């Protein structure tokens, strides 16, 4: 049975609620889901469930010092733009697969419509290089500041971990309230090595910024 986490709670990803090692961590899916809160009147038309409300899942791979060691490189896109953080230890919408092939982002759902995961990050935890001691999972609302979109407008937000056999290991749910007003990003959770295995901690740390690069500064050398 999956364990429902509270903010700050930590579990062993391999063990169930009885302490038995039952989960297969050869490939773990970190799923993110959300619903945009329905509102009546004029704002209801702007922010109904089908409105474009782009939440992006991002992962930082950290070394033993809690830092992102490889920030990748800057490349030029087909339309001439400069794009940074490419093929480094940051997994995001412009660099969806790690060079190792052991962690990747599956895609982007711009409305949150429908049930289930809206975005997924898949990690082969058992194969991840020892240099990576922690993975931080966060979510940002694209152009949230400009569009006045924030986590106070979101219901049924969650992050969950599912093992290689499709068994849900754990879930952390978070719905917007007044304390989330103006918060355009959220450090949801982290997975980290401990005594040869993997732990998972629910963080739920909101931030005003809608740019993950601002949060990345905390984890950069």
Protein backbone atom coordinates (compact mmCIF):
# COMPACT_ATOMS: atom_id res chain seq x y z
CA UNK A 1 0.00 0.00 0.00
CA UNK A 2 1.33 3.44 -0.98
CA UNK A 3 2.39 5.80 1.80
CA UNK A 4 0.75 9.25 1.81
CA UNK A 5 3.36 11.73 2.91
CA UNK A 6 3.05 14.90 4.93
CA UNK A 7 5.35 17.87 4.46
CA UNK A 8 8.78 17.09 5.89
CA UNK A 9 8.15 13.34 6.10
CA UNK A 10 10.78 10.91 4.77
CA UNK A 11 10.45 7.30 3.69
CA UNK A 12 12.65 4.54 2.28
CA UNK A 13 11.64 4.17 -1.37
CA UNK A 14 12.30 0.43 -1.43
CA UNK A 15 10.14 -0.41 1.58
CA UNK A 16 6.37 -0.51 2.08
CA UNK A 17 4.44 0.72 5.13
CA UNK A 18 5.35 -2.51 6.96
CA UNK A 19 9.07 -2.01 6.40
CA UNK A 20 9.33 -4.77 3.79
CA UNK A 21 11.64 -4.31 0.80
CA UNK A 22 9.13 -4.83 -1.99
CA UNK A 23 9.63 -2.05 -4.55
CA UNK A 24 11.71 -2.27 -7.72
CA UNK A 25 13.81 0.89 -8.12
CA UNK A 26 15.38 -0.11 -11.43
CA UNK A 27 13.04 2.45 -13.00
CA UNK A 28 11.01 4.90 -10.91
CA UNK A 29 8.42 7.27 -12.34
CA UNK A 30 8.05 10.58 -10.55
CA UNK A 31 4.59 11.80 -11.56
CA UNK A 32 3.18 15.28 -11.21
CA UNK A 33 -0.50 16.16 -11.46
CA UNK A 34 -2.70 19.18 -10.88
CA UNK A 35 -6.06 20.81 -11.56
CA UNK A 36 -6.66 24.51 -12.07
CA UNK A 37 -9.33 25.70 -9.67
CA UNK A 38 -12.58 26.63 -11.41
CA UNK A 39 -13.76 30.17 -10.82
CA UNK A 40 -17.03 31.82 -11.73
CA UNK A 41 -17.64 34.98 -13.71
CA UNK A 42 -15.00 36.75 -15.75
CA UNK A 43 -12.07 35.05 -14.04
CA UNK A 44 -13.69 31.69 -14.57
CA UNK A 45 -13.35 32.23 -18.29
CA UNK A 46 -9.70 33.15 -17.87
CA UNK A 47 -8.67 30.36 -15.51
CA UNK A 48 -11.03 27.45 -16.13
CA UNK A 49 -9.64 23.91 -16.08
CA UNK A 50 -8.98 23.88 -19.82
CA UNK A 51 -7.10 27.19 -19.82
CA UNK A 52 -3.43 27.09 -20.73
CA UNK A 53 -1.69 26.97 -17.40
CA UNK A 54 1.75 25.59 -18.02
CA UNK A 55 3.38 23.82 -15.09
CA UNK A 56 6.86 22.50 -15.79
CA UNK A 57 8.55 19.65 -13.90
CA UNK A 58 12.30 20.01 -13.38
CA UNK A 59 14.94 17.86 -11.70
CA UNK A 60 18.34 18.89 -10.32
CA UNK A 61 20.94 16.13 -9.92
CA UNK A 62 23.17 17.01 -6.98
CA UNK A 63 26.61 15.79 -5.97
CA UNK A 64 27.85 15.00 -2.47
CA UNK A 65 28.06 18.72 -1.68
CA UNK A 66 24.42 19.28 -2.55
CA UNK A 67 25.34 21.15 -5.74
CA UNK A 68 24.76 20.77 -9.49
CA UNK A 69 28.26 20.04 -10.78
CA UNK A 70 27.54 20.08 -14.51
CA UNK A 71 25.47 22.99 -15.83
CA UNK A 72 25.74 21.72 -19.39
CA UNK A 73 26.47 23.96 -22.34
CA UNK A 74 24.85 26.74 -24.33
CA UNK A 75 23.63 25.84 -27.82
CA UNK A 76 21.95 27.78 -30.60
CA UNK A 77 18.42 26.80 -31.57
CA UNK A 78 17.08 26.62 -35.11
CA UNK A 79 15.58 30.08 -34.76
CA UNK A 80 18.88 31.57 -33.61
CA UNK A 81 18.20 31.76 -29.86
CA UNK A 82 20.84 30.85 -27.28
CA UNK A 83 19.72 28.02 -25.00
CA UNK A 84 21.66 27.21 -21.85
CA UNK A 85 21.84 24.25 -19.44
CA UNK A 86 21.77 21.79 -22.33
CA UNK A 87 22.71 18.16 -21.53
CA UNK A 88 23.89 18.93 -18.03
CA UNK A 89 22.65 17.81 -14.62
CA UNK A 90 19.43 19.82 -14.91
CA UNK A 91 16.49 18.02 -16.51
CA UNK A 92 13.95 20.46 -17.92
CA UNK A 93 11.80 21.22 -20.99
CA UNK A 94 14.75 22.22 -23.23
CA UNK A 95 17.02 19.38 -22.07
CA UNK A 96 14.68 16.50 -21.40
CA UNK A 97 17.16 13.61 -21.17
CA UNK A 98 20.32 13.34 -19.10
CA UNK A 99 23.46 12.36 -21.08
CA UNK A 100 23.68 9.15 -19.03
CA UNK A 101 20.23 8.07 -20.24
CA UNK A 102 19.25 7.26 -16.66
CA UNK A 103 16.82 10.14 -16.06
CA UNK A 104 14.45 11.87 -18.46
CA UNK A 105 11.35 14.03 -18.71
CA UNK A 106 8.49 12.54 -20.74
CA UNK A 107 6.59 15.61 -21.92
CA UNK A 108 4.40 18.60 -21.26
CA UNK A 109 0.68 18.97 -20.51
CA UNK A 110 -0.30 22.66 -20.65
CA UNK A 111 -3.71 22.53 -19.00
CA UNK A 112 -3.67 19.87 -16.29
CA UNK A 113 -6.86 18.49 -17.83
CA UNK A 114 -7.76 14.90 -17.09
CA UNK A 115 -6.84 12.49 -14.31
CA UNK A 116 -3.46 10.96 -13.58
CA UNK A 117 0.05 12.33 -14.08
CA UNK A 118 0.33 15.49 -16.16
CA UNK A 119 4.12 15.32 -16.34
CA UNK A 120 6.56 12.55 -15.51
CA UNK A 121 10.26 12.31 -14.76
CA UNK A 122 11.59 8.77 -15.03
CA UNK A 123 14.72 7.73 -13.14
CA UNK A 124 16.70 4.51 -13.21
CA UNK A 125 17.75 4.88 -9.58
CA UNK A 126 19.65 1.60 -9.36
CA UNK A 127 21.84 2.63 -12.32
CA UNK A 128 22.41 6.27 -11.46
CA UNK A 129 26.10 7.08 -11.06
CA UNK A 130 27.33 7.28 -7.46
CA UNK A 131 28.40 10.89 -8.02
CA UNK A 132 24.73 11.83 -7.86
CA UNK A 133 23.71 11.77 -4.22
CA UNK A 134 20.41 13.61 -4.41
CA UNK A 135 17.71 14.56 -6.92
CA UNK A 136 15.53 17.59 -6.25
CA UNK A 137 12.13 17.73 -7.97
CA UNK A 138 10.49 21.09 -8.49
CA UNK A 139 7.66 22.66 -10.45
CA UNK A 140 7.38 26.12 -11.94
CA UNK A 141 4.46 27.92 -13.58
CA UNK A 142 5.66 29.20 -16.93
CA UNK A 143 5.23 33.00 -17.09
CA UNK A 144 3.29 32.80 -13.83
CA UNK A 145 4.33 36.27 -12.70
CA UNK A 146 3.29 37.91 -15.97
CA UNK A 147 0.00 36.01 -16.19
CA UNK A 148 -0.83 36.31 -12.48
CA UNK A 149 -0.98 32.52 -12.18
CA UNK A 150 0.18 30.93 -8.95
CA UNK A 151 -0.21 27.87 -6.73
CA UNK A 152 -3.07 29.52 -4.84
CA UNK A 153 -5.15 28.83 -7.98
CA UNK A 154 -4.31 25.13 -8.10
CA UNK A 155 -6.16 22.19 -6.58
CA UNK A 156 -5.21 18.53 -6.24
CA UNK A 157 -1.52 19.06 -6.94
CA UNK A 158 0.61 16.03 -6.16
CA UNK A 159 3.92 14.33 -6.66
CA UNK A 160 4.15 10.55 -6.48
CA UNK A 161 6.68 7.78 -7.02
CA UNK A 162 5.83 4.58 -8.91
CA UNK A 163 8.19 1.61 -9.16
CA UNK A 164 9.27 -0.35 -12.25
CA UNK A 165 6.31 -2.74 -11.91
CA UNK A 166 3.77 0.07 -11.79
CA UNK A 167 3.24 -0.06 -8.02
CA UNK A 168 2.70 3.33 -6.38
CA UNK A 169 5.27 3.73 -3.61
CA UNK A 170 4.32 7.07 -2.15
CA UNK A 171 2.36 10.25 -2.82
CA UNK A 172 2.53 13.79 -1.51
CA UNK A 173 -0.54 15.95 -2.14
CA UNK A 174 -0.70 19.71 -1.95
CA UNK A 175 -3.59 22.03 -2.80
CA UNK A 176 -3.43 25.77 -3.00
CA UNK A 177 -4.70 27.96 -0.17
CA UNK A 178 -4.18 31.60 0.76
CA UNK A 179 -0.58 30.88 1.80
CA UNK A 180 0.19 29.87 -1.79
CA UNK A 181 -1.04 33.12 -3.34
CA UNK A 182 1.70 34.69 -5.44
CA UNK A 183 3.86 31.54 -5.28
CA UNK A 184 4.85 30.57 -8.82
CA UNK A 185 7.19 27.66 -8.09
CA UNK A 186 7.43 24.79 -5.66
CA UNK A 187 10.27 22.53 -4.57
CA UNK A 188 8.09 19.46 -4.16
CA UNK A 189 10.38 16.68 -2.98
CA UNK A 190 13.83 15.12 -3.05
CA UNK A 191 15.24 11.63 -3.41
CA UNK A 192 18.62 10.99 -1.81
CA UNK A 193 21.04 8.18 -1.07
CA UNK A 194 21.31 6.92 2.49
CA UNK A 195 23.32 3.88 3.57
CA UNK A 196 23.23 2.38 0.09
CA UNK A 197 19.55 2.92 -0.57
CA UNK A 198 17.21 5.72 -1.63
CA UNK A 199 15.07 7.91 0.61
CA UNK A 200 12.26 10.23 -0.49
CA UNK A 201 11.34 13.40 1.40
CA UNK A 202 8.30 15.64 0.89
CA UNK A 203 9.43 19.27 0.97
CA UNK A 204 6.60 21.54 -0.26
CA UNK A 205 8.75 24.70 -0.35
CA UNK A 206 7.00 27.50 -2.31
CA UNK A 207 8.77 30.41 -3.97
CA UNK A 208 7.63 33.61 -5.64
CA UNK A 209 9.80 33.16 -8.71
CA UNK A 210 8.47 31.49 -11.86
CA UNK A 211 12.01 30.73 -13.09
CA UNK A 212 13.76 27.55 -11.98
CA UNK A 213 17.07 29.25 -12.80
CA UNK A 214 16.54 31.49 -9.76
CA UNK A 215 16.17 28.40 -7.58
CA UNK A 216 19.14 26.74 -9.29
CA UNK A 217 21.44 29.47 -7.95
CA UNK A 218 21.04 27.96 -4.48
CA UNK A 219 22.37 24.64 -5.82
CA UNK A 220 25.21 26.01 -7.98
CA UNK A 221 28.90 26.36 -7.22
